[in-house]
Amino acid sequence: MTEQIVQLPFTLTSAYFQQDGFMLPREAAGGGEHTPKLDWSNPPRGTRSYVLLMEDLDGPNPPVTHWLVYDIPGEVRGVRQGRPAVGRQGRNDFDRLNYRGPCPHPHENAHRYVFRLFALDVDRLGLEEGATRTDVERAMRGHMLAEAQLTARYRPANGDD
């Protein structure tokens, strides 16, 4: 009898919001900008590192990069709330090297924020701290094993849906 090995899907989740749910105010730009708690499971065989990207699909000139972390070690399985992710911080579209929380204007409808996690077959991308999204995407080419996504929404308390 031949034994079949089943690979479960590579997943990205949060303890504080579900797929298409709302992010917490403390994770937003006006609420302290605490990094959200994220967990991932079932990376594909051969995963040696990760890239984490958060982008706003509804901001001006979308997608707007809010967070970029690369060279996350392959044994890591998440990001603790309010803590920087382990790895190298990339430059976001706000010219910062750290997490930038949701910041839609109060009169706007909820924005969609997509967290994208890429499993890579290399330990490091060979980039210095502060690389741009373009640099990271270029360095990832040919090394992506899988991608997991989680979409959340955010709107200020007086925004409309």
Protein backbone atom coordinates (compact mmCIF):
# COMPACT_ATOMS: atom_id res chain seq x y z
CA MET A 1 0.00 0.00 0.00
CA THR A 2 1.31 3.44 -0.91
CA GLU A 3 1.11 6.00 1.85
CA GLN A 4 -0.30 9.37 0.79
CA ILE A 5 0.96 12.50 2.44
CA VAL A 6 -1.64 15.23 2.59
CA GLN A 7 -0.42 18.82 2.75
CA LEU A 8 -2.89 21.01 4.60
CA PRO A 9 -3.47 24.50 3.16
CA PHE A 10 -1.04 27.24 4.10
CA THR A 11 -3.14 29.62 6.22
CA LEU A 12 -2.85 33.07 7.80
CA THR A 13 -5.20 33.96 10.68
CA SER A 14 -5.69 36.48 13.48
CA ALA A 15 -7.12 35.91 16.94
CA TYR A 16 -8.74 39.37 16.80
CA PHE A 17 -10.50 39.42 13.43
CA GLN A 18 -11.73 36.88 10.93
CA GLN A 19 -11.57 36.96 7.14
CA ASP A 20 -13.31 40.20 6.04
CA GLY A 21 -13.84 41.21 9.69
CA PHE A 22 -12.93 44.54 11.23
CA MET A 23 -9.52 45.34 12.69
CA LEU A 24 -9.36 46.77 16.20
CA PRO A 25 -9.02 50.53 16.79
CA ARG A 26 -5.73 49.95 18.69
CA GLU A 27 -4.26 48.60 15.44
CA ALA A 28 -5.14 51.79 13.56
CA ALA A 29 -3.03 54.90 13.05
CA GLY A 30 -5.13 56.88 15.54
CA GLY A 31 -5.27 54.14 18.16
CA GLY A 32 -1.64 53.41 18.93
CA GLU A 33 -0.69 51.43 15.83
CA HIS A 34 -0.26 48.12 17.62
CA THR A 35 0.74 45.45 15.14
CA PRO A 36 -2.07 42.91 14.77
CA LYS A 37 -1.64 39.40 16.13
CA LEU A 38 -1.12 37.11 13.17
CA ASP A 39 -0.52 33.37 13.09
CA TRP A 40 0.27 31.05 10.24
CA SER A 41 0.25 27.32 9.84
CA ASN A 42 1.04 24.52 7.39
CA PRO A 43 3.85 26.15 5.44
CA PRO A 44 4.92 24.07 2.45
CA ARG A 45 7.88 21.74 2.72
CA GLY A 46 11.12 23.52 2.03
CA THR A 47 10.03 26.85 3.57
CA ARG A 48 13.10 28.64 4.87
CA SER A 49 11.78 32.19 5.30
CA TYR A 50 8.74 34.41 4.87
CA VAL A 51 7.79 37.83 3.57
CA LEU A 52 4.83 39.61 5.20
CA LEU A 53 3.04 42.43 3.41
CA MET A 54 0.03 44.52 4.44
CA GLU A 55 -1.61 46.64 1.78
CA ASP A 56 -4.65 48.93 1.60
CA LEU A 57 -6.74 48.13 -1.47
CA ASP A 58 -8.89 51.26 -1.11
CA GLY A 59 -6.32 53.98 -0.42
CA PRO A 60 -5.12 56.59 -2.88
CA ASN A 61 -3.23 54.95 -5.75
CA PRO A 62 -3.87 51.39 -4.48
CA PRO A 63 -2.42 49.21 -3.33
CA VAL A 64 -0.85 51.25 -0.54
CA THR A 65 1.88 49.37 1.34
CA HIS A 66 1.40 49.72 5.12
CA TRP A 67 3.82 47.05 6.32
CA LEU A 68 6.62 45.04 4.78
CA VAL A 69 8.78 42.52 6.64
CA TYR A 70 11.17 40.08 4.98
CA ASP A 71 13.76 37.50 6.02
CA ILE A 72 11.34 36.19 8.68
CA PRO A 73 12.94 32.88 9.76
CA GLY A 74 11.19 29.72 8.57
CA GLU A 75 10.54 28.44 12.10
CA VAL A 76 8.51 31.53 13.06
CA ARG A 77 4.74 31.00 13.07
CA GLY A 78 3.34 34.42 13.85
CA VAL A 79 3.53 38.02 14.99
CA ARG A 80 2.55 39.03 18.51
CA GLN A 81 0.21 41.95 18.91
CA GLY A 82 1.99 45.22 19.53
CA ARG A 83 5.42 43.75 18.77
CA PRO A 84 7.58 44.17 15.70
CA ALA A 85 7.76 41.14 13.46
CA VAL A 86 10.99 39.15 13.57
CA GLY A 87 12.92 39.84 10.38
CA ARG A 88 14.00 42.88 8.41
CA GLN A 89 11.67 45.84 8.12
CA GLY A 90 11.02 47.14 4.63
CA ARG A 91 10.07 50.69 3.70
CA ASN A 92 6.31 51.25 3.49
CA ASP A 93 4.52 53.86 1.38
CA PHE A 94 4.65 56.28 4.34
CA ASP A 95 8.47 56.21 4.17
CA ARG A 96 8.66 54.33 7.49
CA LEU A 97 10.44 51.13 8.43
CA ASN A 98 7.68 49.76 10.63
CA TYR A 99 3.99 48.98 10.77
CA ARG A 100 1.62 51.77 9.72
CA GLY A 101 -1.89 51.10 10.94
CA PRO A 102 -5.08 51.68 8.98
CA CYS A 103 -5.75 55.37 8.44
CA PRO A 104 -8.73 56.03 6.18
CA HIS A 105 -10.25 59.50 6.39
CA PRO A 106 -13.21 59.70 8.81
CA HIS A 107 -15.69 60.40 6.01
CA GLU A 108 -14.62 57.37 3.93
CA ASN A 109 -16.19 53.94 3.88
CA ALA A 110 -14.25 51.04 5.37
CA HIS A 111 -10.98 50.22 3.64
CA ARG A 112 -9.87 46.66 2.88
CA TYR A 113 -6.44 45.64 4.19
CA VAL A 114 -4.87 42.49 2.81
CA PHE A 115 -2.17 40.68 4.74
CA ARG A 116 -0.11 38.56 2.35
CA LEU A 117 2.38 36.01 3.62
CA PHE A 118 4.82 34.43 1.18
CA ALA A 119 6.70 31.22 1.99
CA LEU A 120 10.14 31.22 0.36
CA ASP A 121 12.78 28.58 -0.32
CA VAL A 122 15.70 30.81 0.76
CA ASP A 123 16.89 31.94 4.21
CA ARG A 124 17.50 35.54 3.15
CA LEU A 125 16.71 37.75 0.20
CA GLY A 126 20.11 39.45 0.28
CA LEU A 127 18.64 42.90 0.96
CA GLU A 128 19.59 45.41 3.62
CA GLU A 129 17.04 46.73 6.14
CA GLY A 130 14.77 49.32 4.54
CA ALA A 131 14.34 47.75 1.11
CA THR A 132 11.36 48.88 -0.93
CA ARG A 133 8.45 46.69 -1.96
CA THR A 134 9.79 46.66 -5.52
CA ASP A 135 13.19 45.44 -4.27
CA VAL A 136 11.58 42.70 -2.18
CA GLU A 137 9.27 41.55 -4.97
CA ARG A 138 12.21 41.40 -7.37
CA ALA A 139 14.31 39.39 -4.89
CA MET A 140 11.42 36.94 -4.24
CA ARG A 141 11.08 35.97 -7.91
CA GLY A 142 11.73 32.29 -8.39
CA HIS A 143 11.72 31.60 -4.62
CA MET A 144 7.99 31.62 -3.74
CA LEU A 145 6.59 28.30 -2.59
CA ALA A 146 3.14 29.49 -1.49
CA GLU A 147 1.09 32.50 -0.45
CA ALA A 148 -1.50 32.84 2.32
CA GLN A 149 -3.82 35.83 2.61
CA LEU A 150 -6.08 37.38 5.20
CA THR A 151 -8.29 40.38 4.46
CA ALA A 152 -9.56 42.73 7.16
CA ARG A 153 -11.47 45.98 7.07
CA TYR A 154 -11.19 49.17 9.06
CA ARG A 155 -13.09 52.41 9.31
CA PRO A 156 -12.96 55.19 11.88
CA ALA A 157 -15.81 55.11 14.41
CA ASN A 158 -17.79 57.78 12.56
CA GLY A 159 -17.30 56.28 9.06
CA ASP A 160 -20.09 54.63 7.09
CA ASP A 161 -20.13 51.18 5.52
